[in-house]
PDB file of N, CA and C in Angstrom:
ATOM      1  N   MET A   1      79.021 179.462 100.884  1.00  0.00           N
ATOM      2  CA  MET A   1      78.281 178.520  99.921  1.00  0.00           C
ATOM      3  C   MET A   1      78.282 177.223 100.789  1.00  0.00           C
ATOM      4  N   LEU A   2      77.218 176.598 100.357  1.00  0.00           N
ATOM      5  CA  LEU A   2      77.150 175.368 101.459  1.00  0.00           C
ATOM      6  C   LEU A   2      77.667 174.470 101.132  1.00  0.00           C
ATOM      7  N   SER A   3      78.495 173.894  99.860  1.00  0.00           N
ATOM      8  CA  SER A   3      79.473 173.076  99.643  1.00  0.00           C
ATOM      9  C   SER A   3      80.859 173.191 100.147  1.00  0.00           C
ATOM     10  N   GLU A   4      80.911 174.385 100.715  1.00  0.00           N
ATOM     11  CA  GLU A   4      82.174 174.450 101.707  1.00  0.00           C
ATOM     12  C   GLU A   4      82.075 173.493 102.838  1.00  0.00           C
ATOM     13  N   TYR A   5      81.098 173.399 103.238  1.00  0.00           N
ATOM     14  CA  TYR A   5      80.855 172.802 104.450  1.00  0.00           C
ATOM     15  C   TYR A   5      80.513 171.476 104.506  1.00  0.00           C
ATOM     16  N   ALA A   6      79.623 170.878 103.332  1.00  0.00           N
ATOM     17  CA  ALA A   6      79.011 169.555 103.220  1.00  0.00           C
ATOM     18  C   ALA A   6      79.268 168.807 101.829  1.00  0.00           C
ATOM     19  N   LYS A   7      79.456 167.556 101.889  1.00  0.00           N
ATOM     20  CA  LYS A   7      79.157 166.864 100.579  1.00  0.00           C
ATOM     21  C   LYS A   7      77.933 166.321 100.677  1.00  0.00           C
ATOM     22  N   SER A   8      77.059 166.103 101.435  1.00  0.00           N
ATOM     23  CA  SER A   8      75.669 165.520 101.403  1.00  0.00           C
ATOM     24  C   SER A   8      74.690 165.905 102.525  1.00  0.00           C
ATOM     25  N   VAL A   9      73.682 166.203 102.451  1.00  0.00           N
ATOM     26  CA  VAL A   9      72.764 166.748 102.946  1.00  0.00           C
ATOM     27  C   VAL A   9      71.337 166.007 102.743  1.00  0.00           C
ATOM     28  N   LEU A  10      70.812 165.583 103.933  1.00  0.00           N
ATOM     29  CA  LEU A  10      69.538 164.920 104.276  1.00  0.00           C
ATOM     30  C   LEU A  10      68.406 165.944 104.681  1.00  0.00           C
ATOM     31  N   ASP A  11      67.486 165.913 103.577  1.00  0.00           N
ATOM     32  CA  ASP A  11      66.283 166.600 103.539  1.00  0.00           C
ATOM     33  C   ASP A  11      65.084 165.817 104.122  1.00  0.00           C
ATOM     34  N   THR A  12      64.839 166.177 105.540  1.00  0.00           N
ATOM     35  CA  THR A  12      63.878 165.262 106.034  1.00  0.00           C
ATOM     36  C   THR A  12      62.488 165.848 105.813  1.00  0.00           C
ATOM     37  N   GLY A  13      61.161 165.375 105.507  1.00  0.00           N
ATOM     38  CA  GLY A  13      60.192 165.866 105.270  1.00  0.00           C
ATOM     39  C   GLY A  13      60.173 166.693 103.764  1.00  0.00           C
ATOM     40  N   TYR A  14      60.606 166.137 103.146  1.00  0.00           N
ATOM     41  CA  TYR A  14      61.001 166.554 101.600  1.00  0.00           C
ATOM     42  C   TYR A  14      59.768 167.205 101.102  1.00  0.00           C
ATOM     43  N   GLY A  15      58.609 166.610 101.258  1.00  0.00           N
ATOM     44  CA  GLY A  15      57.457 167.289 100.567  1.00  0.00           C
ATOM     45  C   GLY A  15      57.722 167.500  98.898  1.00  0.00           C
ATOM     46  N   THR A  16      57.498 168.558  98.341  1.00  0.00           N
ATOM     47  CA  THR A  16      57.533 168.606  97.023  1.00  0.00           C
ATOM     48  C   THR A  16      58.800 169.004  96.601  1.00  0.00           C
ATOM     49  N   GLY A  17      59.756 169.114  97.320  1.00  0.00           N
ATOM     50  CA  GLY A  17      61.311 169.497  96.859  1.00  0.00           C
ATOM     51  C   GLY A  17      61.410 171.039  97.095  1.00  0.00           C
ATOM     52  N   ASN A  18      60.724 171.869  97.400  1.00  0.00           N
ATOM     53  CA  ASN A  18      60.853 173.161  97.552  1.00  0.00           C
ATOM     54  C   ASN A  18      62.273 173.478  98.276  1.00  0.00           C
ATOM     55  N   TYR A  19      62.654 172.994  99.359  1.00  0.00           N
ATOM     56  CA  TYR A  19      63.644 173.132 100.472  1.00  0.00           C
ATOM     57  C   TYR A  19      64.919 172.454  99.631  1.00  0.00           C
ATOM     58  N   THR A  20      64.773 171.633  98.719  1.00  0.00           N
ATOM     59  CA  THR A  20      66.096 170.701  98.318  1.00  0.00           C
ATOM     60  C   THR A  20      66.336 171.486  97.264  1.00  0.00           C
ATOM     61  N   ILE A  21      65.215 172.223  96.417  1.00  0.00           N
ATOM     62  CA  ILE A  21      65.675 172.946  95.186  1.00  0.00           C
ATOM     63  C   ILE A  21      66.517 174.171  95.645  1.00  0.00           C
ATOM     64  N   GLU A  22      66.428 174.844  96.777  1.00  0.00           N
ATOM     65  CA  GLU A  22      66.946 175.990  97.200  1.00  0.00           C
ATOM     66  C   GLU A  22      68.149 175.448  97.732  1.00  0.00           C
ATOM     67  N   LEU A  23      68.223 174.353  98.423  1.00  0.00           N
ATOM     68  CA  LEU A  23      69.566 173.913  98.912  1.00  0.00           C
ATOM     69  C   LEU A  23      70.399 173.737  97.767  1.00  0.00           C
ATOM     70  N   PHE A  24      70.153 173.281  97.013  1.00  0.00           N
ATOM     71  CA  PHE A  24      70.994 173.009  95.593  1.00  0.00           C
ATOM     72  C   PHE A  24      71.360 174.232  95.011  1.00  0.00           C
ATOM     73  N   LYS A  25      70.857 175.199  94.930  1.00  0.00           N
ATOM     74  CA  LYS A  25      71.235 176.423  94.572  1.00  0.00           C
ATOM     75  C   LYS A  25      72.122 177.150  95.242  1.00  0.00           C
ATOM     76  N   MET A  26      72.440 176.699  96.538  1.00  0.00           N
ATOM     77  CA  MET A  26      73.268 177.081  97.609  1.00  0.00           C
ATOM     78  C   MET A  26      74.589 176.405  97.177  1.00  0.00           C
ATOM     79  N   THR A  27      74.983 175.619  96.432  1.00  0.00           N
ATOM     80  CA  THR A  27      76.319 174.764  96.244  1.00  0.00           C
ATOM     81  C   THR A  27      76.744 174.970  94.871  1.00  0.00           C
ATOM     82  N   ASP A  28      77.744 174.290  94.874  1.00  0.00           N
ATOM     83  CA  ASP A  28      78.554 174.467  93.273  1.00  0.00           C
ATOM     84  C   ASP A  28      78.284 173.173  92.432  1.00  0.00           C
ATOM     85  N   GLY A  29      77.164 172.560  92.916  1.00  0.00           N
ATOM     86  CA  GLY A  29      76.532 171.213  92.204  1.00  0.00           C
ATOM     87  C   GLY A  29      77.452 170.194  92.693  1.00  0.00           C
ATOM     88  N   ASN A  30      78.222 170.022  93.483  1.00  0.00           N
ATOM     89  CA  ASN A  30      79.094 168.690  94.042  1.00  0.00           C
ATOM     90  C   ASN A  30      78.486 168.376  95.140  1.00  0.00           C
ATOM     91  N   VAL A  31      77.264 168.530  95.566  1.00  0.00           N
ATOM     92  CA  VAL A  31      76.696 168.194  96.797  1.00  0.00           C
ATOM     93  C   VAL A  31      75.404 166.978  96.474  1.00  0.00           C
ATOM     94  N   GLU A  32      75.336 165.765  97.235  1.00  0.00           N
ATOM     95  CA  GLU A  32      74.489 165.083  97.210  1.00  0.00           C
ATOM     96  C   GLU A  32      73.312 165.439  98.215  1.00  0.00           C
ATOM     97  N   ILE A  33      72.286 165.750  97.738  1.00  0.00           N
ATOM     98  CA  ILE A  33      71.284 165.843  98.516  1.00  0.00           C
ATOM     99  C   ILE A  33      69.816 164.799  98.708  1.00  0.00           C
ATOM    100  N   THR A  34      69.699 164.319 100.009  1.00  0.00           N
ATOM    101  CA  THR A  34      68.751 163.275  99.826  1.00  0.00           C
ATOM    102  C   THR A  34      67.476 163.713 100.445  1.00  0.00           C
ATOM    103  N   GLY A  35      66.433 163.427  99.786  1.00  0.00           N
ATOM    104  CA  GLY A  35      65.304 163.900 100.344  1.00  0.00           C
ATOM    105  C   GLY A  35      64.118 162.504 100.792  1.00  0.00           C
ATOM    106  N   VAL A  36      63.468 162.751 102.039  1.00  0.00           N
ATOM    107  CA  VAL A  36      62.778 161.395 102.568  1.00  0.00           C
ATOM    108  C   VAL A  36      61.707 162.181 102.996  1.00  0.00           C
ATOM    109  N   ASP A  37      60.441 161.344 102.627  1.00  0.00           N
ATOM    110  CA  ASP A  37      59.181 161.898 103.127  1.00  0.00           C
ATOM    111  C   ASP A  37      58.198 160.535 103.105  1.00  0.00           C
ATOM    112  N   PHE A  38      57.145 160.882 103.873  1.00  0.00           N
ATOM    113  CA  PHE A  38      56.174 159.364 103.776  1.00  0.00           C
ATOM    114  C   PHE A  38      55.146 159.634 102.648  1.00  0.00           C
ATOM    115  N   ASN A  39      55.039 160.948 101.970  1.00  0.00           N
ATOM    116  CA  ASN A  39      53.959 160.819 100.786  1.00  0.00           C
ATOM    117  C   ASN A  39      54.354 160.672  99.666  1.00  0.00           C
ATOM    118  N   ARG A  40      54.323 159.771  99.082  1.00  0.00           N
ATOM    119  CA  ARG A  40      54.799 159.505  97.751  1.00  0.00           C
ATOM    120  C   ARG A  40      54.501 160.396  96.475  1.00  0.00           C
ATOM    121  N   LYS A  41      53.148 160.955  96.491  1.00  0.00           N
ATOM    122  CA  LYS A  41      52.279 161.765  95.681  1.00  0.00           C
ATOM    123  C   LYS A  41      53.109 163.388  95.874  1.00  0.00           C
ATOM    124  N   MET A  42      53.372 163.435  96.857  1.00  0.00           N
ATOM    125  CA  MET A  42      54.044 164.652  96.658  1.00  0.00           C
ATOM    126  C   MET A  42      55.833 164.772  96.279  1.00  0.00           C
ATOM    127  N   MET A  43      56.320 163.570  96.539  1.00  0.00           N
ATOM    128  CA  MET A  43      57.604 163.477  96.365  1.00  0.00           C
ATOM    129  C   MET A  43      57.582 163.166  94.792  1.00  0.00           C
ATOM    130  N   LEU A  44      56.626 162.788  93.775  1.00  0.00           N
ATOM    131  CA  LEU A  44      56.334 162.885  92.623  1.00  0.00           C
ATOM    132  C   LEU A  44      56.203 164.182  92.030  1.00  0.00           C
ATOM    133  N   LEU A  45      55.654 164.962  92.892  1.00  0.00           N
ATOM    134  CA  LEU A  45      55.564 166.333  92.401  1.00  0.00           C
ATOM    135  C   LEU A  45      56.992 167.063  92.339  1.00  0.00           C
ATOM    136  N   GLY A  46      57.562 166.662  93.503  1.00  0.00           N
ATOM    137  CA  GLY A  46      59.170 167.154  93.541  1.00  0.00           C
ATOM    138  C   GLY A  46      60.019 166.710  92.391  1.00  0.00           C
ATOM    139  N   GLU A  47      59.819 165.148  92.028  1.00  0.00           N
ATOM    140  CA  GLU A  47      60.604 164.727  91.319  1.00  0.00           C
ATOM    141  C   GLU A  47      60.377 166.018  89.790  1.00  0.00           C
ATOM    142  N   LYS A  48      59.006 165.994  89.440  1.00  0.00           N
ATOM    143  CA  LYS A  48      59.003 166.693  88.394  1.00  0.00           C
ATOM    144  C   LYS A  48      59.578 168.213  88.442  1.00  0.00           C
ATOM    145  N   ARG A  49      59.510 169.082  89.548  1.00  0.00           N
ATOM    146  CA  ARG A  49      59.926 170.044  89.605  1.00  0.00           C
ATOM    147  C   ARG A  49      61.600 169.939  89.567  1.00  0.00           C
ATOM    148  N   GLU A  50      62.107 169.018  90.280  1.00  0.00           N
ATOM    149  CA  GLU A  50      63.597 168.971  90.300  1.00  0.00           C
ATOM    150  C   GLU A  50      64.038 168.578  88.956  1.00  0.00           C
ATOM    151  N   LYS A  51      63.442 167.928  88.135  1.00  0.00           N
ATOM    152  CA  LYS A  51      64.051 167.652  86.840  1.00  0.00           C
ATOM    153  C   LYS A  51      63.597 169.123  85.948  1.00  0.00           C
ATOM    154  N   GLU A  52      62.611 169.757  85.987  1.00  0.00           N
ATOM    155  CA  GLU A  52      62.503 171.047  85.232  1.00  0.00           C
ATOM    156  C   GLU A  52      63.693 172.307  85.830  1.00  0.00           C
ATOM    157  N   ALA A  53      64.189 171.934  87.207  1.00  0.00           N
ATOM    158  CA  ALA A  53      65.171 172.784  87.624  1.00  0.00           C
ATOM    159  C   ALA A  53      66.681 172.136  86.953  1.00  0.00           C
ATOM    160  N   GLY A  54      66.709 171.251  86.582  1.00  0.00           N
ATOM    161  CA  GLY A  54      67.908 170.543  85.797  1.00  0.00           C
ATOM    162  C   GLY A  54      68.497 169.851  87.000  1.00  0.00           C
ATOM    163  N   LEU A  55      68.001 169.345  87.909  1.00  0.00           N
ATOM    164  CA  LEU A  55      68.573 168.447  88.975  1.00  0.00           C
ATOM    165  C   LEU A  55      68.582 167.120  88.446  1.00  0.00           C
ATOM    166  N   ILE A  56      69.683 166.404  88.945  1.00  0.00           N
ATOM    167  CA  ILE A  56      69.621 164.795  88.894  1.00  0.00           C
ATOM    168  C   ILE A  56      68.793 163.993  90.048  1.00  0.00           C
ATOM    169  N   TRP A  57      67.953 163.426  89.364  1.00  0.00           N
ATOM    170  CA  TRP A  57      66.638 162.924  90.492  1.00  0.00           C
ATOM    171  C   TRP A  57      66.855 161.293  90.426  1.00  0.00           C
ATOM    172  N   SER A  58      66.941 160.810  91.319  1.00  0.00           N
ATOM    173  CA  SER A  58      66.854 159.523  91.560  1.00  0.00           C
ATOM    174  C   SER A  58      65.986 159.045  92.868  1.00  0.00           C
ATOM    175  N   TYR A  59      65.047 157.772  92.878  1.00  0.00           N
ATOM    176  CA  TYR A  59      64.486 157.479  93.928  1.00  0.00           C
ATOM    177  C   TYR A  59      64.285 156.345  94.366  1.00  0.00           C
ATOM    178  N   GLU A  60      63.835 155.953  95.560  1.00  0.00           N
ATOM    179  CA  GLU A  60      63.731 154.520  95.953  1.00  0.00           C
ATOM    180  C   GLU A  60      62.345 154.474  96.841  1.00  0.00           C
ATOM    181  N   TYR A  61      61.246 153.947  96.553  1.00  0.00           N
ATOM    182  CA  TYR A  61      60.322 153.709  97.641  1.00  0.00           C
ATOM    183  C   TYR A  61      60.365 152.460  98.083  1.00  0.00           C
ATOM    184  N   THR A  62      60.347 152.384  99.391  1.00  0.00           N
ATOM    185  CA  THR A  62      60.320 151.408 100.351  1.00  0.00           C
ATOM    186  C   THR A  62      59.046 151.301 101.309  1.00  0.00           C
TER     187      THR A  62
END
């Protein structure tokens, strides 16, 4: 289980969150996963998918 080894994960090239959701499934729910991507539209799709999957989602665009 991923959460045995890490308390936080950085997902670079987040895209639509596919990998982030799969990473979260490999945890006990006590891991913070941060996704970064340069494409805001793709991240918005990821936000929708993650909310549907029950993940807590917050974001900051800079």
